[in-house]
Amino acid sequence: MAKEIGRLLTAMLTPFKADGSVDYENAEKLAVLLIADGSDGVVVSGTTGESPALSDDEKIELVKAIKKAIPGKTVVAGTGSNDTHHSVKLSERAMKAGADALLAVVPYYNKPPQEGMYQHFKAISEAGPTIMYNIQGRTAVNMTAATTLRCAQLPGILGVKEASGDLDQIGFVCAGKPDGFRVWSGDDSWTLPVLAVGGHGVICVVSHIAGRSMKKMIDAHTKGDNELARKIHLGLLPVIKALMTRCRSSRRSTRSGSRPARSAFRWCRWPRISSRR
């Protein structure tokens, strides 16, 4: 049986100081706020947390800081890349630092065959409990339902974050998955449709500003209150749409990019939390 790590996990942004260094103190405060607002746990150093621009040491320090800030809650470490060896080594460090699980993306740019994906996730899952991340829009290659289900048989694979944009594929995964294998939506606006075909929850961005609503929608669906879940879903859609609009202002460093968390931060306006621009 897979470890239960929660239905609502927030892909947490990374706060930065004015000099461009990671603001660990405010990262801790943000994690506490997210848990208080309904998240079961957080993902640190995912792409919303600007993982491509963080050093390995920064990623590990974030795991330690957030684990200390939210004891007893789930901390998932983003450790995936298109380099299997590097992903495994970083995963081993993250688990030693206190991570409860790992999030690893399908290798990007390399465009590996399905067998390559299987071997990649097999290696990472031997370092710790692993959630796979399928997002063809950013990796340029789709992990098929068949490969996902093959990986699901590996003892170290917890589930998949599905952002393929193909509800049929997600449905096939839900239909064929073994007991304990979890499917999280990787697109906020797809959360209810994914739940409807057998998904478990969402790894979420909009929960930075609407965690309670997202949690309430998931709980309503789980309890069979489909009308309430639908109502909340429809109310969240314009918020999600606005949040996911790419930020177009100029940036001073590559660490800022156009991730949706930039907008989330501006909307939240948590005191004393600054973000690199």
Protein backbone atom coordinates (compact mmCIF):
# COMPACT_ATOMS: atom_id res chain seq x y z
CA MET A 1 0.00 0.00 0.00
CA ALA A 2 1.45 3.39 -1.00
CA LYS A 3 2.19 5.92 1.68
CA GLU A 4 -0.65 8.44 1.97
CA ILE A 5 0.85 11.85 1.31
CA GLY A 6 -2.29 13.86 0.69
CA ARG A 7 -4.78 14.87 -1.94
CA LEU A 8 -3.93 18.58 -2.10
CA LEU A 9 -0.23 19.28 -2.48
CA THR A 10 0.88 22.81 -3.30
CA ALA A 11 3.72 23.24 -5.79
CA MET A 12 5.31 25.91 -3.65
CA LEU A 13 7.03 28.99 -5.03
CA THR A 14 10.50 29.86 -3.76
CA PRO A 15 10.89 33.27 -2.08
CA PHE A 16 14.09 35.19 -2.77
CA LYS A 17 15.87 38.09 -1.13
CA ALA A 18 16.72 41.30 -2.94
CA ASP A 19 20.27 40.06 -3.57
CA GLY A 20 18.97 36.97 -5.36
CA SER A 21 19.66 34.45 -2.59
CA VAL A 22 16.99 32.04 -1.40
CA ASP A 23 14.92 33.41 1.48
CA TYR A 24 14.65 30.30 3.63
CA GLU A 25 12.98 32.09 6.54
CA ASN A 26 10.10 33.30 4.41
CA ALA A 27 9.91 29.94 2.63
CA GLU A 28 9.19 28.42 6.03
CA LYS A 29 6.51 31.03 6.72
CA LEU A 30 4.93 30.40 3.33
CA ALA A 31 4.78 26.65 3.93
CA VAL A 32 3.04 27.21 7.27
CA LEU A 33 0.49 29.49 5.60
CA LEU A 34 -0.22 26.97 2.85
CA ILE A 35 -0.85 24.19 5.35
CA ALA A 36 -3.13 26.45 7.37
CA ASP A 37 -5.08 27.21 4.19
CA GLY A 38 -5.84 23.58 3.39
CA SER A 39 -2.84 21.96 1.75
CA ASP A 40 -1.92 18.48 2.95
CA GLY A 41 1.69 19.12 2.04
CA VAL A 42 3.97 20.95 -0.35
CA VAL A 43 6.28 20.26 -3.24
CA VAL A 44 9.53 22.20 -2.92
CA SER A 45 11.93 22.90 -5.78
CA GLY A 46 9.46 21.96 -8.47
CA THR A 47 9.32 24.09 -11.59
CA THR A 48 6.88 26.47 -9.89
CA GLY A 49 9.63 26.82 -7.29
CA GLU A 50 12.08 27.63 -10.10
CA SER A 51 14.05 24.39 -9.88
CA PRO A 52 16.02 25.02 -13.10
CA ALA A 53 17.61 28.07 -11.45
CA LEU A 54 18.30 26.55 -8.02
CA SER A 55 21.54 24.82 -7.13
CA ASP A 56 21.46 21.33 -5.65
CA ASP A 57 22.58 22.73 -2.31
CA GLU A 58 19.74 25.29 -2.35
CA LYS A 59 17.24 22.53 -3.09
CA ILE A 60 18.46 20.41 -0.21
CA GLU A 61 18.47 23.34 2.19
CA LEU A 62 14.86 24.09 1.19
CA VAL A 63 13.84 20.52 2.01
CA LYS A 64 15.42 20.81 5.45
CA ALA A 65 13.88 24.22 6.15
CA ILE A 66 10.36 23.29 5.06
CA LYS A 67 10.40 19.94 6.83
CA LYS A 68 11.29 21.78 10.04
CA ALA A 69 8.54 24.35 9.45
CA ILE A 70 5.68 21.88 8.90
CA PRO A 71 6.43 18.79 11.02
CA GLY A 72 4.10 15.90 10.35
CA LYS A 73 3.06 17.27 6.96
CA THR A 74 4.19 16.03 3.58
CA VAL A 75 7.25 17.53 1.92
CA VAL A 76 7.87 16.33 -1.61
CA ALA A 77 11.22 17.23 -3.16
CA GLY A 78 11.50 18.03 -6.84
CA THR A 79 14.58 16.09 -7.92
CA GLY A 80 13.95 15.15 -11.53
CA SER A 81 15.91 16.25 -14.59
CA ASN A 82 16.86 14.82 -17.96
CA ASP A 83 20.00 13.31 -16.42
CA THR A 84 19.16 10.04 -14.68
CA HIS A 85 22.42 9.80 -12.74
CA HIS A 86 22.11 13.35 -11.43
CA SER A 87 18.44 12.82 -10.55
CA VAL A 88 19.30 9.72 -8.52
CA LYS A 89 22.09 11.45 -6.59
CA LEU A 90 19.92 14.47 -5.82
CA SER A 91 17.06 12.17 -4.80
CA GLU A 92 19.31 10.34 -2.37
CA ARG A 93 20.36 13.66 -0.82
CA ALA A 94 16.74 14.83 -0.60
CA MET A 95 15.64 11.70 1.22
CA LYS A 96 18.51 12.04 3.69
CA ALA A 97 17.45 15.66 4.24
CA GLY A 98 13.98 14.54 5.33
CA ALA A 99 11.82 14.49 2.19
CA ASP A 100 8.78 12.24 2.38
CA ALA A 101 8.69 11.63 -1.36
CA LEU A 102 10.23 12.73 -4.64
CA LEU A 103 8.75 14.35 -7.74
CA ALA A 104 10.51 13.51 -11.00
CA VAL A 105 9.57 14.76 -14.45
CA VAL A 106 9.72 12.80 -17.68
CA PRO A 107 13.17 13.65 -19.12
CA TYR A 108 12.89 16.82 -21.18
CA TYR A 109 14.70 17.70 -24.41
CA ASN A 110 16.22 14.19 -24.68
CA LYS A 111 12.86 12.78 -25.84
CA PRO A 112 13.59 9.26 -24.56
CA PRO A 113 11.65 6.23 -25.81
CA GLN A 114 9.12 4.63 -23.47
CA GLU A 115 11.70 2.08 -22.29
CA GLY A 116 14.05 4.94 -21.42
CA MET A 117 11.33 6.55 -19.31
CA TYR A 118 10.74 3.29 -17.48
CA GLN A 119 14.43 2.84 -16.69
CA HIS A 120 14.71 6.50 -15.61
CA PHE A 121 11.88 6.24 -13.10
CA LYS A 122 12.98 2.80 -11.94
CA ALA A 123 16.39 4.19 -11.00
CA ILE A 124 14.97 7.22 -9.18
CA SER A 125 12.35 5.17 -7.33
CA GLU A 126 15.12 3.06 -5.81
CA ALA A 127 16.29 6.21 -4.02
CA GLY A 128 12.90 6.96 -2.45
CA PRO A 129 9.10 7.00 -2.95
CA THR A 130 8.56 8.69 -6.30
CA ILE A 131 5.76 10.59 -8.02
CA MET A 132 6.28 10.69 -11.77
CA TYR A 133 5.40 13.87 -13.66
CA ASN A 134 4.03 13.63 -17.19
CA ILE A 135 3.81 17.01 -18.94
CA GLN A 136 4.32 16.74 -22.67
CA GLY A 137 3.94 20.48 -23.19
CA ARG A 138 7.26 21.05 -21.41
CA THR A 139 9.13 17.80 -22.08
CA ALA A 140 8.16 17.39 -25.78
CA VAL A 141 7.32 13.72 -25.26
CA ASN A 142 4.36 11.92 -23.69
CA MET A 143 4.62 9.02 -21.29
CA THR A 144 1.90 6.65 -22.44
CA ALA A 145 -0.70 5.05 -20.23
CA ALA A 146 0.97 1.69 -20.84
CA THR A 147 4.34 2.96 -19.60
CA THR A 148 2.74 4.68 -16.63
CA LEU A 149 1.04 1.44 -15.63
CA ARG A 150 4.25 -0.52 -16.12
CA CYS A 151 6.05 1.92 -13.80
CA ALA A 152 3.13 1.61 -11.36
CA GLN A 153 4.23 -1.97 -10.68
CA LEU A 154 7.55 -0.77 -9.28
CA PRO A 155 7.56 -0.80 -5.46
CA GLY A 156 9.02 2.69 -5.17
CA ILE A 157 6.52 4.44 -7.43
CA LEU A 158 3.74 6.23 -5.51
CA GLY A 159 1.81 7.66 -8.42
CA VAL A 160 1.83 10.16 -11.24
CA LYS A 161 1.23 13.86 -11.63
CA GLU A 162 -0.69 13.91 -14.91
CA ALA A 163 -0.58 17.00 -17.09
CA SER A 164 -0.78 15.33 -20.49
CA GLY A 165 -4.01 17.17 -21.29
CA ASP A 166 -5.51 13.87 -22.45
CA LEU A 167 -8.43 12.82 -20.28
CA ASP A 168 -8.73 9.51 -22.14
CA GLN A 169 -5.15 8.67 -21.25
CA ILE A 170 -5.68 9.66 -17.62
CA GLY A 171 -8.81 7.52 -17.57
CA PHE A 172 -6.91 4.51 -18.88
CA VAL A 173 -4.32 4.98 -16.16
CA CYS A 174 -7.01 5.20 -13.48
CA ALA A 175 -8.78 2.14 -14.88
CA GLY A 176 -5.65 -0.02 -14.91
CA LYS A 177 -3.71 1.18 -11.90
CA PRO A 178 -2.93 -1.11 -8.97
CA ASP A 179 -4.32 -0.43 -5.52
CA GLY A 180 -2.44 2.35 -3.79
CA PHE A 181 -1.18 3.99 -6.97
CA ARG A 182 -2.27 7.64 -6.97
CA VAL A 183 -3.08 9.96 -9.85
CA TRP A 184 -2.79 13.66 -9.15
CA SER A 185 -3.89 16.26 -11.66
CA GLY A 186 -1.01 18.40 -12.84
CA ASP A 187 -3.34 21.07 -14.20
CA ASP A 188 -5.40 22.99 -11.64
CA SER A 189 -8.42 23.38 -13.94
CA TRP A 190 -8.46 19.64 -14.62
CA THR A 191 -8.71 18.65 -10.96
CA LEU A 192 -12.42 17.84 -10.92
CA PRO A 193 -12.40 15.98 -14.28
CA VAL A 194 -9.43 13.92 -13.11
CA LEU A 195 -11.18 13.16 -9.81
CA ALA A 196 -14.24 12.10 -11.78
CA VAL A 197 -12.31 9.39 -13.67
CA GLY A 198 -10.64 8.06 -10.54
CA GLY A 199 -7.88 10.52 -9.69
CA HIS A 200 -6.72 11.16 -6.15
CA GLY A 201 -6.13 14.90 -6.02
CA VAL A 202 -3.97 17.68 -7.44
CA ILE A 203 -0.46 19.06 -7.24
CA CYS A 204 -1.58 22.62 -7.34
CA VAL A 205 -0.53 26.23 -7.94
CA VAL A 206 -3.80 28.10 -7.34
CA SER A 207 -3.78 26.77 -3.77
CA HIS A 208 -1.32 29.59 -3.03
CA ILE A 209 -4.37 31.87 -3.06
CA ALA A 210 -7.40 29.54 -2.99
CA GLY A 211 -6.32 26.54 -0.95
CA ARG A 212 -9.46 26.30 1.11
CA SER A 213 -11.69 26.34 -1.96
CA MET A 214 -9.64 23.68 -3.72
CA LYS A 215 -9.64 21.51 -0.58
CA LYS A 216 -13.39 21.97 -0.20
CA MET A 217 -13.97 20.92 -3.81
CA ILE A 218 -11.89 17.77 -3.39
CA ASP A 219 -13.66 16.90 -0.14
CA ALA A 220 -17.08 17.50 -1.73
CA HIS A 221 -16.28 15.15 -4.59
CA THR A 222 -14.93 12.52 -2.20
CA LYS A 223 -18.18 12.68 -0.21
CA GLY A 224 -20.31 12.39 -3.35
CA ASP A 225 -21.57 15.98 -3.28
CA ASN A 226 -21.10 16.49 -6.99
CA GLU A 227 -23.21 19.63 -7.21
CA LEU A 228 -21.10 21.43 -4.62
CA ALA A 229 -17.88 20.22 -6.25
CA ARG A 230 -19.11 21.47 -9.64
CA LYS A 231 -20.07 24.85 -8.20
CA ILE A 232 -16.66 25.34 -6.62
CA HIS A 233 -14.91 24.14 -9.77
CA LEU A 234 -16.74 26.68 -11.92
CA GLY A 235 -15.99 29.44 -9.43
CA LEU A 236 -12.27 28.60 -9.46
CA LEU A 237 -11.91 28.53 -13.24
CA PRO A 238 -11.53 32.30 -13.81
CA VAL A 239 -9.05 32.51 -10.94
CA ILE A 240 -7.00 29.66 -12.39
CA LYS A 241 -7.15 31.17 -15.86
CA ALA A 242 -5.90 34.52 -14.63
CA LEU A 243 -3.16 32.91 -12.54
CA MET A 244 -1.86 30.81 -15.41
CA THR A 245 -1.57 33.78 -17.75
CA ARG A 246 2.09 34.24 -18.49
CA CYS A 247 3.71 37.23 -16.85
CA ARG A 248 5.10 39.54 -19.50
CA SER A 249 7.09 42.05 -17.48
CA SER A 250 10.87 42.16 -17.87
CA ARG A 251 13.09 40.18 -15.49
CA ARG A 252 16.53 40.87 -14.11
CA SER A 253 17.58 37.23 -13.85
CA THR A 254 16.83 33.80 -15.22
CA ARG A 255 15.52 32.78 -11.84
CA SER A 256 12.29 34.66 -12.40
CA GLY A 257 11.02 33.52 -15.78
CA SER A 258 7.26 33.46 -16.33
CA ARG A 259 6.07 30.74 -13.98
CA PRO A 260 2.48 31.17 -12.75
CA ALA A 261 3.73 31.46 -9.20
CA ARG A 262 4.95 34.96 -10.06
CA SER A 263 1.32 36.02 -10.28
CA ALA A 264 0.36 33.94 -7.26
CA PHE A 265 2.90 35.78 -5.20
CA ARG A 266 1.66 39.19 -6.23
CA TRP A 267 -1.93 38.27 -5.42
CA CYS A 268 -1.17 36.72 -2.06
CA ARG A 269 0.80 39.69 -0.74
CA TRP A 270 2.00 37.82 2.33
CA PRO A 271 3.87 40.24 4.63
CA ARG A 272 7.67 40.17 4.57
CA ILE A 273 7.82 37.67 1.73
CA SER A 274 9.69 39.01 -1.28
CA SER A 275 10.23 37.28 -4.60
CA ARG A 276 13.05 37.64 -7.04
CA ARG A 277 12.10 39.75 -10.04
